Amino acid sequence: MNQQLTAAAQCVSLSGKASEQAMDLSYKFKSFVALQRFVQPQYEDEAQDHVPVTRAEMDAMLETLNADVLRRMDALADTLTVLGAQARLSVTSLAPSPSS
């Protein structure tokens, strides 16, 4: 029974970690929304003619954003993989043994 509680507690912990990572990823995604608004203004008065951005600067910014978002997506995927394995282990440990 103690193993079952430990496995369940680990699932709860991993679930919380995955939720935090998903929220963090969602927050980082806002940078892409800001970039899109910068590049494609919705209204004429939002045009950013006074902000010069070179192609190299835009490339560096996108490379940084993409690398960070990819790193966070990988961390979330890793956490979810471990969570899935832990959940399967929990289910297996809860199942009655054939000798019972």
C-alpha atoms as a PDB file:
ATOM      1  CA  MET A   1       0.000   0.000   0.000  1.00  0.00           C
ATOM      2  CA  ASN A   2       2.910   2.343   0.790  1.00  0.00           C
ATOM      3  CA  GLN A   3       4.276   1.892  -2.756  1.00  0.00           C
ATOM      4  CA  GLN A   4       0.869   2.811  -4.147  1.00  0.00           C
ATOM      5  CA  LEU A   5       0.796   6.040  -2.152  1.00  0.00           C
ATOM      6  CA  THR A   6       4.361   6.858  -3.204  1.00  0.00           C
ATOM      7  CA  ALA A   7       3.544   6.235  -6.880  1.00  0.00           C
ATOM      8  CA  ALA A   8       0.383   8.328  -6.614  1.00  0.00           C
ATOM      9  CA  ALA A   9       2.279  11.151  -4.882  1.00  0.00           C
ATOM     10  CA  GLN A  10       4.901  11.093  -7.643  1.00  0.00           C
ATOM     11  CA  CYS A  11       2.137  11.320 -10.261  1.00  0.00           C
ATOM     12  CA  VAL A  12       0.636  14.319  -8.486  1.00  0.00           C
ATOM     13  CA  SER A  13       4.059  15.975  -8.261  1.00  0.00           C
ATOM     14  CA  LEU A  14       4.827  15.336 -11.942  1.00  0.00           C
ATOM     15  CA  SER A  15       1.379  16.565 -12.916  1.00  0.00           C
ATOM     16  CA  GLY A  16       2.031  19.825 -11.076  1.00  0.00           C
ATOM     17  CA  LYS A  17       5.429  20.171 -12.746  1.00  0.00           C
ATOM     18  CA  ALA A  18       3.894  19.564 -16.181  1.00  0.00           C
ATOM     19  CA  SER A  19       1.218  22.163 -15.471  1.00  0.00           C
ATOM     20  CA  GLU A  20       3.844  24.734 -14.452  1.00  0.00           C
ATOM     21  CA  GLN A  21       5.885  23.994 -17.567  1.00  0.00           C
ATOM     22  CA  ALA A  22       2.806  24.350 -19.780  1.00  0.00           C
ATOM     23  CA  MET A  23       2.002  27.721 -18.184  1.00  0.00           C
ATOM     24  CA  ASP A  24       5.616  28.812 -18.699  1.00  0.00           C
ATOM     25  CA  LEU A  25       5.467  27.759 -22.341  1.00  0.00           C
ATOM     26  CA  SER A  26       2.209  29.664 -22.763  1.00  0.00           C
ATOM     27  CA  TYR A  27       3.881  32.751 -21.306  1.00  0.00           C
ATOM     28  CA  LYS A  28       6.810  32.411 -23.707  1.00  0.00           C
ATOM     29  CA  PHE A  29       4.407  32.065 -26.634  1.00  0.00           C
ATOM     30  CA  LYS A  30       3.252  35.631 -25.932  1.00  0.00           C
ATOM     31  CA  SER A  31       6.596  36.810 -27.311  1.00  0.00           C
ATOM     32  CA  PHE A  32       5.592  35.401 -30.698  1.00  0.00           C
ATOM     33  CA  VAL A  33       2.257  37.213 -30.490  1.00  0.00           C
ATOM     34  CA  ALA A  34       4.103  40.462 -29.723  1.00  0.00           C
ATOM     35  CA  LEU A  35       6.464  39.857 -32.629  1.00  0.00           C
ATOM     36  CA  GLN A  36       3.540  39.203 -34.966  1.00  0.00           C
ATOM     37  CA  ARG A  37       1.872  42.444 -33.873  1.00  0.00           C
ATOM     38  CA  PHE A  38       5.133  44.272 -34.410  1.00  0.00           C
ATOM     39  CA  VAL A  39       5.633  42.858 -37.904  1.00  0.00           C
ATOM     40  CA  GLN A  40       1.978  43.008 -38.963  1.00  0.00           C
ATOM     41  CA  PRO A  41       0.298  45.971 -37.253  1.00  0.00           C
ATOM     42  CA  GLN A  42      -3.481  45.701 -37.078  1.00  0.00           C
ATOM     43  CA  TYR A  43      -4.077  49.451 -37.399  1.00  0.00           C
ATOM     44  CA  GLU A  44      -2.316  52.087 -39.433  1.00  0.00           C
ATOM     45  CA  ASP A  45      -1.282  54.052 -36.350  1.00  0.00           C
ATOM     46  CA  GLU A  46       0.477  50.959 -34.951  1.00  0.00           C
ATOM     47  CA  ALA A  47       3.069  50.964 -37.744  1.00  0.00           C
ATOM     48  CA  GLN A  48       6.549  50.923 -36.254  1.00  0.00           C
ATOM     49  CA  ASP A  49       8.373  52.957 -38.889  1.00  0.00           C
ATOM     50  CA  HIS A  50      10.491  54.590 -36.198  1.00  0.00           C
ATOM     51  CA  VAL A  51      11.923  51.239 -34.989  1.00  0.00           C
ATOM     52  CA  PRO A  52      14.614  50.099 -37.405  1.00  0.00           C
ATOM     53  CA  VAL A  53      15.164  46.343 -37.346  1.00  0.00           C
ATOM     54  CA  THR A  54      17.732  44.747 -39.567  1.00  0.00           C
ATOM     55  CA  ARG A  55      17.328  41.303 -41.016  1.00  0.00           C
ATOM     56  CA  ALA A  56      20.225  40.081 -38.837  1.00  0.00           C
ATOM     57  CA  GLU A  57      18.605  41.479 -35.683  1.00  0.00           C
ATOM     58  CA  MET A  58      15.280  39.849 -36.535  1.00  0.00           C
ATOM     59  CA  ASP A  59      17.054  36.553 -37.250  1.00  0.00           C
ATOM     60  CA  ALA A  60      18.895  36.694 -33.914  1.00  0.00           C
ATOM     61  CA  MET A  61      15.685  37.478 -32.045  1.00  0.00           C
ATOM     62  CA  LEU A  62      13.768  34.647 -33.698  1.00  0.00           C
ATOM     63  CA  GLU A  63      16.614  32.193 -33.151  1.00  0.00           C
ATOM     64  CA  THR A  64      16.662  33.055 -29.446  1.00  0.00           C
ATOM     65  CA  LEU A  65      12.891  32.798 -29.103  1.00  0.00           C
ATOM     66  CA  ASN A  66      12.729  29.522 -31.002  1.00  0.00           C
ATOM     67  CA  ALA A  67      15.544  27.942 -28.989  1.00  0.00           C
ATOM     68  CA  ASP A  68      13.936  28.913 -25.686  1.00  0.00           C
ATOM     69  CA  VAL A  69      10.476  27.723 -26.677  1.00  0.00           C
ATOM     70  CA  LEU A  70      11.881  24.463 -28.065  1.00  0.00           C
ATOM     71  CA  ARG A  71      13.829  23.864 -24.844  1.00  0.00           C
ATOM     72  CA  ARG A  72      10.679  24.409 -22.795  1.00  0.00           C
ATOM     73  CA  MET A  73       8.612  22.168 -25.071  1.00  0.00           C
ATOM     74  CA  ASP A  74      11.223  19.413 -24.696  1.00  0.00           C
ATOM     75  CA  ALA A  75      11.160  19.782 -20.905  1.00  0.00           C
ATOM     76  CA  LEU A  76       7.367  19.537 -20.910  1.00  0.00           C
ATOM     77  CA  ALA A  77       7.462  16.465 -23.159  1.00  0.00           C
ATOM     78  CA  ASP A  78      10.024  14.825 -20.860  1.00  0.00           C
ATOM     79  CA  THR A  79       7.884  15.524 -17.799  1.00  0.00           C
ATOM     80  CA  LEU A  80       4.786  14.143 -19.490  1.00  0.00           C
ATOM     81  CA  THR A  81       6.698  11.003 -20.536  1.00  0.00           C
ATOM     82  CA  VAL A  82       7.791  10.403 -16.943  1.00  0.00           C
ATOM     83  CA  LEU A  83       4.271  11.186 -15.701  1.00  0.00           C
ATOM     84  CA  GLY A  84       2.804   8.641 -18.110  1.00  0.00           C
ATOM     85  CA  ALA A  85       5.290   5.986 -17.014  1.00  0.00           C
ATOM     86  CA  GLN A  86       4.606   6.731 -13.355  1.00  0.00           C
ATOM     87  CA  ALA A  87       0.853   6.594 -13.922  1.00  0.00           C
ATOM     88  CA  ARG A  88       1.186   3.202 -15.643  1.00  0.00           C
ATOM     89  CA  LEU A  89       3.269   1.988 -12.722  1.00  0.00           C
ATOM     90  CA  SER A  90       0.618   3.249 -10.299  1.00  0.00           C
ATOM     91  CA  VAL A  91      -2.142   1.466 -12.177  1.00  0.00           C
ATOM     92  CA  THR A  92      -0.097  -1.726 -12.267  1.00  0.00           C
ATOM     93  CA  SER A  93       0.584  -1.541  -8.519  1.00  0.00           C
ATOM     94  CA  LEU A  94      -3.132  -1.009  -7.802  1.00  0.00           C
ATOM     95  CA  ALA A  95      -4.193  -4.019  -9.836  1.00  0.00           C
ATOM     96  CA  PRO A  96      -4.930  -7.105  -7.758  1.00  0.00           C
ATOM     97  CA  SER A  97      -2.280  -9.766  -8.006  1.00  0.00           C
ATOM     98  CA  PRO A  98      -3.314 -13.077  -9.622  1.00  0.00           C
ATOM     99  CA  SER A  99      -2.571 -14.919  -6.385  1.00  0.00           C
ATOM    100  CA  SER A 100      -5.091 -12.788  -4.434  1.00  0.00           C
END
